Amino acid sequence: MTICINLDVMMAKRKMRLNTLAKAIGITEANLSILKNGKAKAVRLSTLDKLCEVLECQPGDILEFEANHYDEHRLG
């Protein structure tokens, strides 16, 4: 199982730059970059809430579940 973070897609749709979004939600550009590049191990709900508010989207627009090929065979 994999959770994919589509933050870069939402930022592009809203024509929002990393530094602008970081300031708007109150986190560092470095931490937002980690999240945007899919390197984050966790996301605070308060951060997700602010992202959705500023980007005017739903959590499902940012987070997406993808089943791994291995998991499909194991469960099937």
C-alpha atoms as a PDB file:
ATOM      1  CA  MET A   1       0.000   0.000   0.000  1.00  0.00           C
ATOM      2  CA  THR A   2       1.213   3.439  -0.869  1.00  0.00           C
ATOM      3  CA  ILE A   3      -0.135   6.877  -0.155  1.00  0.00           C
ATOM      4  CA  CYS A   4       0.843   9.255  -2.956  1.00  0.00           C
ATOM      5  CA  ILE A   5       0.991  12.972  -2.310  1.00  0.00           C
ATOM      6  CA  ASN A   6      -0.233  14.998  -5.275  1.00  0.00           C
ATOM      7  CA  LEU A   7       0.606  18.372  -3.793  1.00  0.00           C
ATOM      8  CA  ASP A   8       2.636  19.381  -6.853  1.00  0.00           C
ATOM      9  CA  VAL A   9      -0.405  18.765  -9.064  1.00  0.00           C
ATOM     10  CA  MET A  10      -2.664  20.925  -6.886  1.00  0.00           C
ATOM     11  CA  MET A  11      -0.047  23.668  -6.704  1.00  0.00           C
ATOM     12  CA  ALA A  12       0.214  23.693 -10.493  1.00  0.00           C
ATOM     13  CA  LYS A  13      -3.575  23.804 -10.884  1.00  0.00           C
ATOM     14  CA  ARG A  14      -3.712  26.804  -8.535  1.00  0.00           C
ATOM     15  CA  LYS A  15      -0.564  28.363 -10.045  1.00  0.00           C
ATOM     16  CA  MET A  16       0.956  28.600  -6.585  1.00  0.00           C
ATOM     17  CA  ARG A  17       4.663  28.600  -5.878  1.00  0.00           C
ATOM     18  CA  LEU A  18       6.297  26.704  -3.033  1.00  0.00           C
ATOM     19  CA  ASN A  19       7.385  29.813  -1.120  1.00  0.00           C
ATOM     20  CA  THR A  20       3.939  31.408  -1.380  1.00  0.00           C
ATOM     21  CA  LEU A  21       2.170  28.270  -0.149  1.00  0.00           C
ATOM     22  CA  ALA A  22       4.669  27.735   2.668  1.00  0.00           C
ATOM     23  CA  LYS A  23       4.067  31.265   3.966  1.00  0.00           C
ATOM     24  CA  ALA A  24       0.289  30.902   3.625  1.00  0.00           C
ATOM     25  CA  ILE A  25       0.139  27.708   5.704  1.00  0.00           C
ATOM     26  CA  GLY A  26       2.897  28.613   8.152  1.00  0.00           C
ATOM     27  CA  ILE A  27       5.564  25.963   7.538  1.00  0.00           C
ATOM     28  CA  THR A  28       9.080  26.205   6.171  1.00  0.00           C
ATOM     29  CA  GLU A  29       9.765  25.864   2.472  1.00  0.00           C
ATOM     30  CA  ALA A  30      12.060  22.931   3.291  1.00  0.00           C
ATOM     31  CA  ASN A  31       9.284  21.013   5.078  1.00  0.00           C
ATOM     32  CA  LEU A  32       6.769  21.793   2.346  1.00  0.00           C
ATOM     33  CA  SER A  33       9.280  20.610  -0.256  1.00  0.00           C
ATOM     34  CA  ILE A  34       9.663  17.292   1.581  1.00  0.00           C
ATOM     35  CA  LEU A  35       5.884  16.885   1.513  1.00  0.00           C
ATOM     36  CA  LYS A  36       5.595  17.966  -2.135  1.00  0.00           C
ATOM     37  CA  ASN A  37       8.278  15.518  -3.252  1.00  0.00           C
ATOM     38  CA  GLY A  38       6.658  12.573  -1.478  1.00  0.00           C
ATOM     39  CA  LYS A  39       9.481  12.138   1.039  1.00  0.00           C
ATOM     40  CA  ALA A  40       7.352  12.817   4.133  1.00  0.00           C
ATOM     41  CA  LYS A  41       6.599   9.933   6.495  1.00  0.00           C
ATOM     42  CA  ALA A  42       3.588  11.685   8.024  1.00  0.00           C
ATOM     43  CA  VAL A  43       1.353  14.712   7.570  1.00  0.00           C
ATOM     44  CA  ARG A  44      -0.191  16.595  10.463  1.00  0.00           C
ATOM     45  CA  LEU A  45      -3.925  16.982  10.108  1.00  0.00           C
ATOM     46  CA  SER A  46      -3.547  20.675  10.916  1.00  0.00           C
ATOM     47  CA  THR A  47      -1.146  21.016   7.959  1.00  0.00           C
ATOM     48  CA  LEU A  48      -3.512  19.100   5.678  1.00  0.00           C
ATOM     49  CA  ASP A  49      -6.346  21.333   6.864  1.00  0.00           C
ATOM     50  CA  LYS A  50      -4.389  24.491   6.007  1.00  0.00           C
ATOM     51  CA  LEU A  51      -3.322  23.078   2.638  1.00  0.00           C
ATOM     52  CA  CYS A  52      -6.936  22.343   1.730  1.00  0.00           C
ATOM     53  CA  GLU A  53      -8.051  25.774   2.893  1.00  0.00           C
ATOM     54  CA  VAL A  54      -5.397  27.680   0.925  1.00  0.00           C
ATOM     55  CA  LEU A  55      -5.570  25.465  -2.192  1.00  0.00           C
ATOM     56  CA  GLU A  56      -9.385  25.317  -1.995  1.00  0.00           C
ATOM     57  CA  CYS A  57      -9.492  21.550  -2.351  1.00  0.00           C
ATOM     58  CA  GLN A  58     -10.369  18.352  -0.512  1.00  0.00           C
ATOM     59  CA  PRO A  59      -7.870  16.012   1.220  1.00  0.00           C
ATOM     60  CA  GLY A  60      -8.496  13.463  -1.539  1.00  0.00           C
ATOM     61  CA  ASP A  61      -7.213  15.965  -4.078  1.00  0.00           C
ATOM     62  CA  ILE A  62      -3.839  15.912  -2.308  1.00  0.00           C
ATOM     63  CA  LEU A  63      -3.635  12.336  -0.974  1.00  0.00           C
ATOM     64  CA  GLU A  64      -4.204   9.251  -3.109  1.00  0.00           C
ATOM     65  CA  PHE A  65      -4.069   5.564  -2.184  1.00  0.00           C
ATOM     66  CA  GLU A  66      -2.370   3.150  -4.558  1.00  0.00           C
ATOM     67  CA  ALA A  67      -2.247  -0.576  -3.932  1.00  0.00           C
ATOM     68  CA  ASN A  68       1.144  -2.150  -4.580  1.00  0.00           C
ATOM     69  CA  HIS A  69       1.310  -5.055  -6.995  1.00  0.00           C
ATOM     70  CA  TYR A  70       2.553  -7.261  -4.126  1.00  0.00           C
ATOM     71  CA  ASP A  71      -0.414  -6.294  -1.908  1.00  0.00           C
ATOM     72  CA  GLU A  72      -2.948  -7.133  -4.650  1.00  0.00           C
ATOM     73  CA  HIS A  73      -1.636 -10.700  -4.927  1.00  0.00           C
ATOM     74  CA  ARG A  74      -1.328 -11.168  -1.177  1.00  0.00           C
ATOM     75  CA  LEU A  75      -4.912 -10.060  -0.556  1.00  0.00           C
ATOM     76  CA  GLY A  76      -6.404 -11.828  -3.558  1.00  0.00           C
END
